[in-house]
Amino acid sequence: MDPATARRRLGVMGAVPWLPLVLLCGCSHFQSSDAASSLRPEIITPRKPVKSPTLGKRFSVSCQAQSPFPRMTLIYWLANGSFVEDQYPDGAVSKGDVVREPRGTKVLLTRELHFRSFSWRDWSTSFLCMVRNPAGLEKVLVRWDPERPAQISEPQQETRQDVQTPESTPTVDRTESTD
């Protein structure tokens, strides 16, 4: 077979010798952004402003996320860009344990942030829920209801932010990056 005939028979695959390798390896820079974004973690709550609790009362806010990587997903809280335990070494604000629940091909992760006695400092602190897996990072800033927190007017009792189901569609305050 002459060289011109051989080139015609090779077709597209022969003209681009590295194409089969790219298709086999699934190199990330050749994948569509839709496929990659479906693997990123998805934060479910908090998705809308959280009602400010009464000053001096116990309070908890929950962060829930789902991910297709059950054992390779981290969920954590930051306060003013630092770990909560660094900002609150006295334990006035602390993180709960990570709870993992299988959901089909994904896992639902939940981690609460506990306020021992909600204060003005807490109200003005920037709290971020961070969720990271091999496909990316999602983060949501907790936004307090625009009302200033009320003063203590009754005995101390615990309140908790209601957990929303994935079916609800409130406004999302979301900051995304691909760190």
N, C-alpha and C. Protein backbone atom coordinates (compact mmCIF):
# COMPACT_ATOMS: atom_id res chain seq x y z
N MET A 1 0.85 -1.17 0.00
CA MET A 1 0.00 0.00 0.00
C MET A 1 0.90 1.23 0.00
N ASP A 2 0.56 2.19 -0.89
CA ASP A 2 1.37 3.40 -0.98
C ASP A 2 1.06 4.33 0.20
N PRO A 3 1.96 5.28 0.54
CA PRO A 3 1.78 6.16 1.70
C PRO A 3 0.50 7.00 1.65
N ALA A 4 0.06 7.45 0.47
CA ALA A 4 -1.15 8.27 0.37
C ALA A 4 -2.37 7.45 0.75
N THR A 5 -2.45 6.21 0.31
CA THR A 5 -3.58 5.34 0.64
C THR A 5 -3.59 5.02 2.14
N ALA A 6 -2.42 4.79 2.71
CA ALA A 6 -2.32 4.49 4.14
C ALA A 6 -2.84 5.66 4.97
N ARG A 7 -2.50 6.91 4.58
CA ARG A 7 -2.97 8.09 5.33
C ARG A 7 -4.49 8.19 5.26
N ARG A 8 -5.09 7.92 4.11
CA ARG A 8 -6.54 8.00 3.97
C ARG A 8 -7.24 6.95 4.84
N ARG A 9 -6.68 5.77 4.94
CA ARG A 9 -7.29 4.70 5.74
C ARG A 9 -7.20 4.99 7.24
N LEU A 10 -6.19 5.69 7.66
CA LEU A 10 -6.03 5.99 9.08
C LEU A 10 -7.18 6.88 9.57
N GLY A 11 -7.67 7.74 8.74
CA GLY A 11 -8.80 8.60 9.11
C GLY A 11 -8.46 9.53 10.26
N VAL A 12 -9.47 9.92 10.99
CA VAL A 12 -9.31 10.90 12.08
C VAL A 12 -8.42 10.36 13.19
N MET A 13 -8.62 9.12 13.59
CA MET A 13 -7.83 8.58 14.69
C MET A 13 -6.34 8.55 14.36
N GLY A 14 -6.01 8.25 13.11
CA GLY A 14 -4.61 8.24 12.73
C GLY A 14 -4.04 9.64 12.56
N ALA A 15 -4.88 10.59 12.18
CA ALA A 15 -4.42 11.95 11.99
C ALA A 15 -4.11 12.62 13.32
N VAL A 16 -4.77 12.20 14.38
CA VAL A 16 -4.54 12.76 15.72
C VAL A 16 -4.18 11.60 16.63
N PRO A 17 -2.90 11.22 16.65
CA PRO A 17 -2.51 9.99 17.36
C PRO A 17 -2.78 10.02 18.87
N TRP A 18 -2.89 11.18 19.50
CA TRP A 18 -3.11 11.24 20.94
C TRP A 18 -4.59 11.21 21.32
N LEU A 19 -5.51 11.35 20.37
CA LEU A 19 -6.93 11.40 20.67
C LEU A 19 -7.44 10.16 21.42
N PRO A 20 -7.07 8.93 21.00
CA PRO A 20 -7.55 7.77 21.75
C PRO A 20 -7.10 7.79 23.21
N LEU A 21 -5.91 8.28 23.48
CA LEU A 21 -5.42 8.36 24.86
C LEU A 21 -6.23 9.36 25.68
N VAL A 22 -6.58 10.47 25.11
CA VAL A 22 -7.38 11.47 25.81
C VAL A 22 -8.75 10.90 26.12
N LEU A 23 -9.35 10.21 25.16
CA LEU A 23 -10.67 9.64 25.37
C LEU A 23 -10.64 8.56 26.45
N LEU A 24 -9.57 7.77 26.50
CA LEU A 24 -9.45 6.72 27.50
C LEU A 24 -9.16 7.25 28.89
N CYS A 25 -8.28 8.24 28.99
CA CYS A 25 -7.87 8.72 30.31
C CYS A 25 -8.88 9.67 30.93
N GLY A 26 -9.74 10.29 30.14
CA GLY A 26 -10.73 11.22 30.68
C GLY A 26 -10.07 12.42 31.33
N CYS A 27 -9.02 12.91 30.75
CA CYS A 27 -8.29 14.04 31.32
C CYS A 27 -9.24 15.19 31.64
N SER A 28 -9.10 15.75 32.83
CA SER A 28 -10.08 16.72 33.34
C SER A 28 -10.21 17.97 32.49
N HIS A 29 -9.13 18.43 31.85
CA HIS A 29 -9.26 19.65 31.07
C HIS A 29 -9.98 19.43 29.75
N PHE A 30 -10.29 18.17 29.42
CA PHE A 30 -11.07 17.89 28.22
C PHE A 30 -12.52 17.54 28.55
N GLN A 31 -12.85 17.39 29.85
CA GLN A 31 -14.21 17.07 30.23
C GLN A 31 -15.09 18.30 30.17
N SER A 32 -16.38 18.08 29.96
CA SER A 32 -17.29 19.22 29.93
C SER A 32 -17.49 19.75 31.33
N SER A 33 -17.78 21.01 31.45
CA SER A 33 -17.98 21.61 32.76
C SER A 33 -19.24 21.05 33.42
N ASP A 34 -20.24 20.62 32.62
CA ASP A 34 -21.45 20.03 33.19
C ASP A 34 -21.12 18.74 33.93
N ALA A 35 -20.30 17.90 33.33
CA ALA A 35 -19.94 16.64 33.98
C ALA A 35 -19.15 16.90 35.26
N ALA A 36 -18.22 17.81 35.20
CA ALA A 36 -17.41 18.12 36.38
C ALA A 36 -18.27 18.75 37.47
N SER A 37 -19.19 19.63 37.11
CA SER A 37 -20.01 20.29 38.13
C SER A 37 -20.97 19.31 38.79
N SER A 38 -21.36 18.24 38.13
CA SER A 38 -22.24 17.27 38.76
C SER A 38 -21.52 16.46 39.84
N LEU A 39 -20.20 16.48 39.84
CA LEU A 39 -19.42 15.78 40.86
C LEU A 39 -19.07 16.66 42.05
N ARG A 40 -19.22 17.97 41.88
CA ARG A 40 -18.91 18.90 42.98
C ARG A 40 -19.92 18.73 44.10
N PRO A 41 -19.53 19.06 45.32
CA PRO A 41 -20.51 18.99 46.41
C PRO A 41 -21.59 20.04 46.21
N GLU A 42 -22.77 19.77 46.74
CA GLU A 42 -23.88 20.71 46.64
C GLU A 42 -24.38 21.04 48.04
N ILE A 43 -24.31 22.31 48.42
CA ILE A 43 -24.79 22.71 49.74
C ILE A 43 -26.30 22.89 49.67
N ILE A 44 -26.99 22.25 50.60
CA ILE A 44 -28.45 22.30 50.66
C ILE A 44 -28.91 23.38 51.64
N THR A 45 -28.33 23.41 52.82
CA THR A 45 -28.64 24.46 53.81
C THR A 45 -27.35 24.94 54.44
N PRO A 46 -27.26 26.16 54.90
CA PRO A 46 -28.28 27.21 54.86
C PRO A 46 -28.30 27.89 53.50
N ARG A 47 -29.49 28.12 52.97
CA ARG A 47 -29.62 28.72 51.64
C ARG A 47 -30.27 30.09 51.66
N LYS A 48 -30.79 30.50 52.78
CA LYS A 48 -31.42 31.82 52.87
C LYS A 48 -31.01 32.44 54.20
N PRO A 49 -31.28 33.72 54.39
CA PRO A 49 -30.90 34.34 55.67
C PRO A 49 -31.49 33.58 56.86
N VAL A 50 -30.65 33.42 57.88
CA VAL A 50 -31.02 32.73 59.10
C VAL A 50 -31.58 33.77 60.08
N LYS A 51 -32.72 33.47 60.66
CA LYS A 51 -33.32 34.39 61.62
C LYS A 51 -32.37 34.57 62.79
N SER A 52 -32.04 35.81 63.10
CA SER A 52 -31.13 36.10 64.20
C SER A 52 -31.72 35.62 65.51
N PRO A 53 -30.96 34.86 66.28
CA PRO A 53 -31.47 34.39 67.57
C PRO A 53 -31.43 35.51 68.61
N THR A 54 -32.07 35.27 69.72
CA THR A 54 -32.06 36.23 70.82
C THR A 54 -30.69 36.21 71.47
N LEU A 55 -30.17 37.40 71.76
CA LEU A 55 -28.88 37.50 72.45
C LEU A 55 -28.93 36.76 73.78
N GLY A 56 -27.85 36.03 74.06
CA GLY A 56 -27.75 35.31 75.33
C GLY A 56 -28.34 33.92 75.31
N LYS A 57 -28.98 33.51 74.23
CA LYS A 57 -29.58 32.18 74.16
C LYS A 57 -28.71 31.20 73.39
N ARG A 58 -28.89 29.92 73.71
CA ARG A 58 -28.25 28.86 72.92
C ARG A 58 -28.86 28.87 71.53
N PHE A 59 -28.04 28.48 70.54
CA PHE A 59 -28.52 28.49 69.17
C PHE A 59 -27.65 27.55 68.35
N SER A 60 -28.23 26.92 67.35
CA SER A 60 -27.47 26.07 66.42
C SER A 60 -27.93 26.36 65.01
N VAL A 61 -26.97 26.35 64.08
CA VAL A 61 -27.29 26.47 62.66
C VAL A 61 -26.66 25.26 61.97
N SER A 62 -27.40 24.69 61.04
CA SER A 62 -26.98 23.46 60.39
C SER A 62 -26.50 23.72 58.97
N CYS A 63 -25.44 23.03 58.58
CA CYS A 63 -24.98 23.04 57.20
C CYS A 63 -25.16 21.62 56.68
N GLN A 64 -25.88 21.49 55.57
CA GLN A 64 -26.08 20.19 54.94
C GLN A 64 -25.62 20.27 53.50
N ALA A 65 -24.97 19.20 53.06
CA ALA A 65 -24.49 19.13 51.68
C ALA A 65 -24.55 17.69 51.22
N GLN A 66 -24.59 17.52 49.89
CA GLN A 66 -24.50 16.17 49.36
C GLN A 66 -23.34 16.10 48.38
N SER A 67 -22.79 14.89 48.29
CA SER A 67 -21.61 14.68 47.46
C SER A 67 -21.60 13.24 46.95
N PRO A 68 -21.08 13.03 45.72
CA PRO A 68 -20.95 11.66 45.21
C PRO A 68 -19.70 10.95 45.73
N PHE A 69 -18.93 11.60 46.61
CA PHE A 69 -17.71 11.02 47.16
C PHE A 69 -17.88 10.82 48.67
N PRO A 70 -18.49 9.70 49.10
CA PRO A 70 -18.81 9.51 50.51
C PRO A 70 -17.62 9.62 51.46
N ARG A 71 -16.49 9.08 51.10
CA ARG A 71 -15.34 9.05 52.02
C ARG A 71 -14.30 10.12 51.73
N MET A 72 -14.53 10.92 50.69
CA MET A 72 -13.54 11.93 50.31
C MET A 72 -14.13 13.33 50.32
N THR A 73 -15.11 13.57 51.19
CA THR A 73 -15.72 14.89 51.27
C THR A 73 -15.56 15.44 52.67
N LEU A 74 -15.09 16.67 52.74
CA LEU A 74 -14.93 17.37 54.03
C LEU A 74 -16.01 18.42 54.15
N ILE A 75 -16.55 18.60 55.35
CA ILE A 75 -17.49 19.68 55.64
C ILE A 75 -17.00 20.33 56.92
N TYR A 76 -16.82 21.65 56.88
CA TYR A 76 -16.30 22.34 58.06
C TYR A 76 -16.78 23.78 58.07
N TRP A 77 -16.62 24.43 59.22
CA TRP A 77 -17.06 25.82 59.41
C TRP A 77 -15.85 26.72 59.60
N LEU A 78 -15.93 27.92 59.03
CA LEU A 78 -14.92 28.96 59.26
C LEU A 78 -15.61 30.17 59.89
N ALA A 79 -14.89 30.86 60.74
CA ALA A 79 -15.35 32.11 61.35
C ALA A 79 -14.35 33.19 60.99
N ASN A 80 -14.79 34.19 60.25
CA ASN A 80 -13.90 35.27 59.78
C ASN A 80 -12.67 34.70 59.06
N GLY A 81 -12.87 33.64 58.29
CA GLY A 81 -11.79 33.07 57.48
C GLY A 81 -10.85 32.12 58.22
N SER A 82 -11.09 31.88 59.51
CA SER A 82 -10.25 30.97 60.30
C SER A 82 -11.11 29.83 60.84
N PHE A 83 -10.46 28.78 61.30
CA PHE A 83 -11.21 27.70 61.91
C PHE A 83 -11.92 28.22 63.16
N VAL A 84 -13.11 27.71 63.39
CA VAL A 84 -13.94 28.18 64.50
C VAL A 84 -13.20 28.06 65.83
N GLU A 85 -12.52 26.95 66.06
CA GLU A 85 -11.82 26.75 67.33
C GLU A 85 -10.68 27.75 67.53
N ASP A 86 -10.12 28.30 66.44
CA ASP A 86 -9.10 29.33 66.57
C ASP A 86 -9.71 30.68 66.92
N GLN A 87 -10.89 30.98 66.39
CA GLN A 87 -11.58 32.24 66.68
C GLN A 87 -12.27 32.22 68.04
N TYR A 88 -12.66 31.04 68.48
CA TYR A 88 -13.38 30.88 69.75
C TYR A 88 -12.70 29.81 70.60
N PRO A 89 -11.48 30.08 71.09
CA PRO A 89 -10.79 29.05 71.89
C PRO A 89 -11.50 28.73 73.20
N ASP A 90 -12.39 29.63 73.65
CA ASP A 90 -13.14 29.39 74.89
C ASP A 90 -14.34 28.46 74.67
N GLY A 91 -14.63 28.09 73.40
CA GLY A 91 -15.73 27.18 73.10
C GLY A 91 -17.09 27.84 73.05
N ALA A 92 -17.14 29.17 73.05
CA ALA A 92 -18.43 29.87 72.98
C ALA A 92 -19.18 29.51 71.69
N VAL A 93 -18.43 29.22 70.63
CA VAL A 93 -18.99 28.72 69.38
C VAL A 93 -18.19 27.47 69.04
N SER A 94 -18.88 26.39 68.73
CA SER A 94 -18.19 25.14 68.42
C SER A 94 -18.89 24.40 67.29
N LYS A 95 -18.15 23.48 66.66
CA LYS A 95 -18.69 22.67 65.57
C LYS A 95 -19.18 21.35 66.15
N GLY A 96 -20.28 20.85 65.57
CA GLY A 96 -20.75 19.52 65.93
C GLY A 96 -20.01 18.48 65.11
N ASP A 97 -20.28 17.23 65.40
CA ASP A 97 -19.69 16.13 64.64
C ASP A 97 -20.31 16.07 63.24
N VAL A 98 -19.58 15.49 62.31
CA VAL A 98 -20.09 15.30 60.95
C VAL A 98 -20.99 14.06 60.95
N VAL A 99 -22.19 14.22 60.44
CA VAL A 99 -23.13 13.11 60.30
C VAL A 99 -23.22 12.79 58.82
N ARG A 100 -23.02 11.51 58.46
CA ARG A 100 -23.06 11.08 57.06
C ARG A 100 -24.20 10.07 56.89
N GLU A 101 -25.06 10.35 55.90
CA GLU A 101 -26.18 9.46 55.60
C GLU A 101 -26.14 9.12 54.11
N PRO A 102 -26.11 7.82 53.77
CA PRO A 102 -26.15 7.44 52.35
C PRO A 102 -27.47 7.88 51.72
N ARG A 103 -27.39 8.41 50.51
CA ARG A 103 -28.56 8.82 49.73
C ARG A 103 -28.38 8.37 48.29
N GLY A 104 -28.72 7.13 47.99
CA GLY A 104 -28.53 6.60 46.64
C GLY A 104 -27.05 6.53 46.31
N THR A 105 -26.65 7.22 45.24
CA THR A 105 -25.24 7.22 44.84
C THR A 105 -24.46 8.33 45.52
N LYS A 106 -25.12 9.10 46.39
CA LYS A 106 -24.47 10.21 47.07
C LYS A 106 -24.52 10.01 48.58
N VAL A 107 -23.89 10.93 49.29
CA VAL A 107 -23.95 10.95 50.74
C VAL A 107 -24.42 12.33 51.17
N LEU A 108 -25.28 12.37 52.19
CA LEU A 108 -25.73 13.63 52.78
C LEU A 108 -24.89 13.86 54.03
N LEU A 109 -24.20 15.00 54.06
CA LEU A 109 -23.37 15.34 55.21
C LEU A 109 -24.02 16.50 55.96
N THR A 110 -24.01 16.44 57.27
CA THR A 110 -24.56 17.49 58.11
C THR A 110 -23.55 17.84 59.19
N ARG A 111 -23.35 19.13 59.41
CA ARG A 111 -22.50 19.59 60.51
C ARG A 111 -23.09 20.87 61.07
N GLU A 112 -23.32 20.86 62.37
CA GLU A 112 -23.92 22.01 63.02
C GLU A 112 -22.86 22.91 63.62
N LEU A 113 -23.25 24.16 63.78
CA LEU A 113 -22.44 25.17 64.45
C LEU A 113 -23.25 25.56 65.68
N HIS A 114 -22.65 25.39 66.87
CA HIS A 114 -23.36 25.63 68.13
C HIS A 114 -22.87 26.92 68.79
N PHE A 115 -23.81 27.73 69.21
CA PHE A 115 -23.53 28.96 69.95
C PHE A 115 -23.99 28.74 71.39
N ARG A 116 -23.06 28.80 72.33
CA ARG A 116 -23.40 28.58 73.74
C ARG A 116 -24.31 29.68 74.27
N SER A 117 -24.02 30.91 73.88
CA SER A 117 -24.82 32.07 74.28
C SER A 117 -24.62 33.13 73.20
N PHE A 118 -25.56 33.22 72.27
CA PHE A 118 -25.41 34.08 71.09
C PHE A 118 -25.12 35.52 71.52
N SER A 119 -24.11 36.15 70.88
CA SER A 119 -23.67 37.49 71.29
C SER A 119 -23.58 38.43 70.09
N TRP A 120 -23.37 39.71 70.41
CA TRP A 120 -23.15 40.70 69.34
C TRP A 120 -21.95 40.30 68.50
N ARG A 121 -20.91 39.78 69.13
CA ARG A 121 -19.72 39.34 68.38
C ARG A 121 -20.10 38.28 67.35
N ASP A 122 -20.95 37.32 67.76
CA ASP A 122 -21.38 36.26 66.84
C ASP A 122 -22.17 36.84 65.68
N TRP A 123 -23.04 37.79 65.98
CA TRP A 123 -23.89 38.39 64.96
C TRP A 123 -23.05 39.11 63.90
N SER A 124 -21.91 39.68 64.30
CA SER A 124 -21.08 40.42 63.35
C SER A 124 -19.93 39.58 62.77
N THR A 125 -19.85 38.32 63.14
CA THR A 125 -18.81 37.42 62.61
C THR A 125 -19.29 36.78 61.31
N SER A 126 -18.37 36.61 60.38
CA SER A 126 -18.66 35.97 59.10
C SER A 126 -18.46 34.46 59.24
N PHE A 127 -19.55 33.69 59.20
CA PHE A 127 -19.48 32.23 59.31
C PHE A 127 -19.70 31.62 57.92
N LEU A 128 -18.75 30.78 57.51
CA LEU A 128 -18.82 30.10 56.21
C LEU A 128 -18.91 28.60 56.42
N CYS A 129 -19.84 27.97 55.72
CA CYS A 129 -19.88 26.51 55.66
C CYS A 129 -19.08 26.13 54.41
N MET A 130 -18.08 25.29 54.57
CA MET A 130 -17.20 24.87 53.49
C MET A 130 -17.36 23.36 53.27
N VAL A 131 -17.51 22.98 51.99
CA VAL A 131 -17.61 21.56 51.63
C VAL A 131 -16.67 21.33 50.47
N ARG A 132 -15.75 20.39 50.65
CA ARG A 132 -14.73 20.11 49.63
C ARG A 132 -14.71 18.62 49.32
N ASN A 133 -14.65 18.31 48.02
CA ASN A 133 -14.43 16.94 47.58
C ASN A 133 -13.43 16.98 46.42
N PRO A 134 -13.03 15.85 45.85
CA PRO A 134 -12.03 15.87 44.77
C PRO A 134 -12.43 16.70 43.55
N ALA A 135 -13.73 16.95 43.36
CA ALA A 135 -14.17 17.71 42.18
C ALA A 135 -14.27 19.21 42.44
N GLY A 136 -14.13 19.66 43.68
CA GLY A 136 -14.19 21.09 43.92
C GLY A 136 -14.61 21.48 45.32
N LEU A 137 -14.88 22.76 45.46
CA LEU A 137 -15.21 23.38 46.74
C LEU A 137 -16.49 24.18 46.60
N GLU A 138 -17.37 24.07 47.57
CA GLU A 138 -18.57 24.90 47.65
C GLU A 138 -18.51 25.58 49.01
N LYS A 139 -18.97 26.80 49.06
CA LYS A 139 -19.04 27.50 50.34
C LYS A 139 -20.25 28.41 50.35
N VAL A 140 -20.84 28.52 51.53
CA VAL A 140 -22.01 29.37 51.72
C VAL A 140 -21.78 30.21 52.96
N LEU A 141 -22.01 31.49 52.82
CA LEU A 141 -21.91 32.42 53.93
C LEU A 141 -23.24 32.44 54.66
N VAL A 142 -23.20 32.28 55.99
CA VAL A 142 -24.42 32.41 56.78
C VAL A 142 -24.76 33.89 56.83
N ARG A 143 -25.95 34.20 56.37
CA ARG A 143 -26.43 35.58 56.41
C ARG A 143 -27.53 35.65 57.46
N TRP A 144 -27.31 36.52 58.42
CA TRP A 144 -28.32 36.71 59.46
C TRP A 144 -29.46 37.55 58.91
N ASP A 145 -30.65 37.25 59.37
CA ASP A 145 -31.82 38.05 59.03
C ASP A 145 -31.44 39.51 59.31
N PRO A 146 -31.83 40.42 58.45
CA PRO A 146 -31.42 41.82 58.63
C PRO A 146 -31.78 42.42 59.98
N GLU A 147 -32.78 41.86 60.67
CA GLU A 147 -33.11 42.39 62.00
C GLU A 147 -31.96 42.16 62.95
N ARG A 148 -31.73 43.13 63.80
CA ARG A 148 -30.72 42.94 64.84
C ARG A 148 -31.27 41.96 65.86
N PRO A 149 -30.40 41.18 66.50
CA PRO A 149 -30.91 40.19 67.45
C PRO A 149 -31.60 40.85 68.64
N ALA A 150 -32.63 40.19 69.15
CA ALA A 150 -33.38 40.70 70.30
C ALA A 150 -32.60 40.46 71.58
N GLN A 151 -32.89 41.27 72.58
CA GLN A 151 -32.29 41.10 73.91
C GLN A 151 -33.00 39.95 74.62
N ILE A 152 -32.35 39.41 75.63
CA ILE A 152 -32.96 38.33 76.42
C ILE A 152 -34.19 38.87 77.12
N SER A 153 -35.33 38.17 76.98
CA SER A 153 -36.54 38.61 77.64
C SER A 153 -37.22 37.46 78.38
N GLU A 154 -36.67 36.25 78.26
CA GLU A 154 -37.24 35.08 78.92
C GLU A 154 -36.11 34.14 79.30
N PRO A 155 -36.38 33.11 80.09
CA PRO A 155 -35.31 32.18 80.48
C PRO A 155 -34.61 31.58 79.26
N GLN A 156 -33.34 31.25 79.45
CA GLN A 156 -32.53 30.73 78.35
C GLN A 156 -33.09 29.40 77.85
N GLN A 157 -33.27 29.30 76.53
CA GLN A 157 -33.70 28.06 75.92
C GLN A 157 -32.99 27.90 74.58
N GLU A 158 -32.90 26.68 74.13
CA GLU A 158 -32.18 26.41 72.89
C GLU A 158 -33.11 26.57 71.70
N THR A 159 -32.61 27.22 70.66
CA THR A 159 -33.32 27.32 69.40
C THR A 159 -32.45 26.70 68.33
N ARG A 160 -33.06 26.32 67.25
CA ARG A 160 -32.30 25.68 66.17
C ARG A 160 -32.86 26.14 64.84
N GLN A 161 -31.97 26.44 63.89
CA GLN A 161 -32.39 26.80 62.53
C GLN A 161 -33.08 25.62 61.90
N ASP A 162 -34.27 25.82 61.36
CA ASP A 162 -34.98 24.73 60.68
C ASP A 162 -34.18 24.24 59.50
N VAL A 163 -34.17 22.94 59.31
CA VAL A 163 -33.46 22.33 58.20
C VAL A 163 -34.41 22.28 57.01
N GLN A 164 -33.94 22.75 55.87
CA GLN A 164 -34.74 22.74 54.65
C GLN A 164 -34.50 21.45 53.89
N THR A 165 -35.50 21.03 53.16
CA THR A 165 -35.33 19.85 52.33
C THR A 165 -34.80 20.27 50.97
N PRO A 166 -34.15 19.36 50.24
CA PRO A 166 -33.60 19.71 48.93
C PRO A 166 -34.66 20.20 47.95
N GLU A 167 -35.95 19.89 48.20
CA GLU A 167 -36.99 20.30 47.26
C GLU A 167 -37.28 21.79 47.33
N SER A 168 -36.94 22.45 48.45
CA SER A 168 -37.23 23.88 48.55
C SER A 168 -36.25 24.68 47.71
N THR A 169 -36.68 25.85 47.24
CA THR A 169 -35.83 26.63 46.34
C THR A 169 -35.75 28.08 46.78
N PRO A 170 -35.20 28.37 48.00
CA PRO A 170 -35.04 29.75 48.41
C PRO A 170 -33.85 30.40 47.71
N THR A 171 -33.69 31.70 47.91
CA THR A 171 -32.57 32.43 47.33
C THR A 171 -31.26 31.85 47.89
N VAL A 172 -30.27 31.72 47.04
CA VAL A 172 -29.00 31.12 47.43
C VAL A 172 -27.94 32.20 47.52
N ASP A 173 -27.28 32.28 48.68
CA ASP A 173 -26.11 33.13 48.83
C ASP A 173 -24.93 32.17 48.75
N ARG A 174 -24.34 32.03 47.58
CA ARG A 174 -23.33 31.02 47.36
C ARG A 174 -22.11 31.64 46.72
N THR A 175 -20.93 31.27 47.21
CA THR A 175 -19.68 31.67 46.60
C THR A 175 -18.98 30.40 46.17
N GLU A 176 -18.60 30.32 44.92
CA GLU A 176 -17.98 29.10 44.41
C GLU A 176 -16.55 29.40 43.97
N SER A 177 -15.71 28.38 44.13
CA SER A 177 -14.34 28.45 43.59
C SER A 177 -13.91 27.04 43.25
N THR A 178 -12.82 26.92 42.58
CA THR A 178 -12.31 25.59 42.20
C THR A 178 -10.98 25.33 42.83
N ASP A 179 -10.79 25.80 44.07
CA ASP A 179 -9.53 25.60 44.77
C ASP A 179 -9.14 24.15 44.82
